[in-house]
């Protein structure tokens, strides 16, 4: 059994050793400069305005999560569209139920104001 897994173990140990050697060499050989501009955030050549350590509003995360949620649910429509002719009326009714549930959730978050940026 050891002969089977030895190459995998050897490769893992070799990868760890090489990573440690490269990290160690960068600490000892690497160039160190202490410049005032080095610690500032770089934003596409534009000087940063205001405090860069401001927290991101929770509203941004809510919109991002809702986008991912609805995006994944819409992906379920593509396989159905490919084989919709083979599913018949039962598949059509199931997909109508799915879309209705999706729309109920969408209108609920619209009513709650989850997609407003103010």
Protein backbone atom coordinates (compact mmCIF):
# COMPACT_ATOMS: atom_id res chain seq x y z
CA UNK A 1 0.00 0.00 0.00
CA UNK A 2 2.91 2.35 0.72
CA UNK A 3 4.25 1.92 -2.81
CA UNK A 4 0.99 3.23 -4.24
CA UNK A 5 0.84 6.41 -2.16
CA UNK A 6 4.58 7.14 -1.94
CA UNK A 7 4.67 9.29 -5.13
CA UNK A 8 1.82 11.45 -3.82
CA UNK A 9 3.51 11.84 -0.43
CA UNK A 10 6.84 12.61 -2.13
CA UNK A 11 5.23 15.26 -4.36
CA UNK A 12 3.49 16.87 -1.37
CA UNK A 13 6.71 16.98 0.69
CA UNK A 14 8.65 18.34 -2.29
CA UNK A 15 6.07 21.11 -2.84
CA UNK A 16 6.19 22.12 0.83
CA UNK A 17 9.99 22.15 0.87
CA UNK A 18 10.21 24.25 -2.31
CA UNK A 19 7.63 26.72 -0.95
CA UNK A 20 9.54 27.07 2.32
CA UNK A 21 12.86 27.53 0.52
CA UNK A 22 11.43 30.22 -1.77
CA UNK A 23 9.79 32.04 1.14
CA UNK A 24 13.02 31.91 3.12
CA UNK A 25 15.10 33.15 0.21
CA UNK A 26 12.75 36.08 -0.37
CA UNK A 27 13.16 37.12 3.27
CA UNK A 28 16.96 36.95 3.16
CA UNK A 29 17.69 38.09 -0.40
CA UNK A 30 14.71 40.35 -1.11
CA UNK A 31 15.14 44.10 -1.38
CA UNK A 32 13.58 46.15 1.39
CA UNK A 33 12.65 49.78 0.86
CA UNK A 34 10.74 52.01 3.20
CA UNK A 35 9.05 54.67 1.13
CA UNK A 36 6.10 56.78 2.11
CA UNK A 37 4.20 55.98 -1.08
CA UNK A 38 4.68 52.24 -0.74
CA UNK A 39 2.16 51.87 2.08
CA UNK A 40 -0.59 53.80 0.28
CA UNK A 41 -3.29 51.95 -1.67
CA UNK A 42 -2.98 52.16 -5.44
CA UNK A 43 -6.24 52.77 -7.27
CA UNK A 44 -5.54 52.69 -11.02
CA UNK A 45 -3.26 55.72 -10.88
CA UNK A 46 -5.81 57.89 -9.14
CA UNK A 47 -4.88 59.41 -5.81
CA UNK A 48 -7.04 57.91 -3.06
CA UNK A 49 -9.74 60.25 -1.78
CA UNK A 50 -10.92 60.06 1.80
CA UNK A 51 -10.29 57.29 4.27
CA UNK A 52 -9.53 53.95 2.62
CA UNK A 53 -10.40 52.05 5.77
CA UNK A 54 -14.11 52.88 5.74
CA UNK A 55 -16.35 49.85 6.16
CA UNK A 56 -18.33 48.74 3.14
CA UNK A 57 -22.07 49.21 3.73
CA UNK A 58 -24.08 46.07 4.46
CA UNK A 59 -26.44 47.06 1.64
CA UNK A 60 -23.68 46.25 -0.85
CA UNK A 61 -23.40 42.71 0.51
CA UNK A 62 -27.18 42.27 0.50
CA UNK A 63 -27.40 43.22 -3.18
CA UNK A 64 -24.44 40.97 -4.03
CA UNK A 65 -25.94 37.96 -2.23
CA UNK A 66 -29.35 38.51 -3.81
CA UNK A 67 -27.74 38.81 -7.24
CA UNK A 68 -25.90 35.52 -6.76
CA UNK A 69 -29.05 33.84 -5.43
CA UNK A 70 -31.26 34.88 -8.33
CA UNK A 71 -28.50 34.30 -10.86
CA UNK A 72 -28.10 30.69 -9.72
CA UNK A 73 -31.86 30.15 -9.78
CA UNK A 74 -32.09 31.48 -13.33
CA UNK A 75 -29.35 29.04 -14.38
CA UNK A 76 -31.82 26.23 -13.60
CA UNK A 77 -33.97 27.49 -16.49
CA UNK A 78 -31.36 26.66 -19.15
CA UNK A 79 -31.43 22.85 -18.83
CA UNK A 80 -35.21 22.98 -18.78
CA UNK A 81 -35.24 25.05 -21.98
CA UNK A 82 -33.00 22.50 -23.70
CA UNK A 83 -35.25 19.50 -22.98
CA UNK A 84 -38.61 21.24 -22.61
CA UNK A 85 -40.08 19.45 -25.63
CA UNK A 86 -39.38 16.04 -24.03
CA UNK A 87 -40.85 16.96 -20.62
CA UNK A 88 -44.33 17.63 -21.89
CA UNK A 89 -47.06 19.32 -19.91
CA UNK A 90 -45.79 18.03 -16.54
CA UNK A 91 -42.39 19.69 -17.08
CA UNK A 92 -44.07 22.90 -18.19
CA UNK A 93 -46.26 23.03 -15.06
CA UNK A 94 -43.26 22.31 -12.82
CA UNK A 95 -41.31 25.13 -14.45
CA UNK A 96 -44.24 27.52 -14.12
CA UNK A 97 -44.36 26.71 -10.40
CA UNK A 98 -40.60 27.32 -10.16
CA UNK A 99 -40.84 30.68 -11.96
CA UNK A 100 -43.82 31.75 -9.81
CA UNK A 101 -41.86 30.98 -6.64
CA UNK A 102 -38.90 32.90 -8.08
CA UNK A 103 -41.09 35.90 -8.91
CA UNK A 104 -42.73 35.87 -5.47
CA UNK A 105 -39.27 36.07 -3.90
CA UNK A 106 -38.21 38.82 -6.30
CA UNK A 107 -41.28 40.95 -5.64
CA UNK A 108 -40.84 40.38 -1.90
CA UNK A 109 -37.30 41.77 -1.91
CA UNK A 110 -38.44 44.67 -4.10
CA UNK A 111 -41.21 45.50 -1.61
CA UNK A 112 -38.78 45.30 1.32
CA UNK A 113 -36.39 47.70 -0.48
CA UNK A 114 -33.44 45.32 -0.45
CA UNK A 115 -32.25 46.52 -3.88
CA UNK A 116 -32.29 50.27 -3.12
CA UNK A 117 -28.92 51.96 -2.73
CA UNK A 118 -29.81 54.90 -0.49
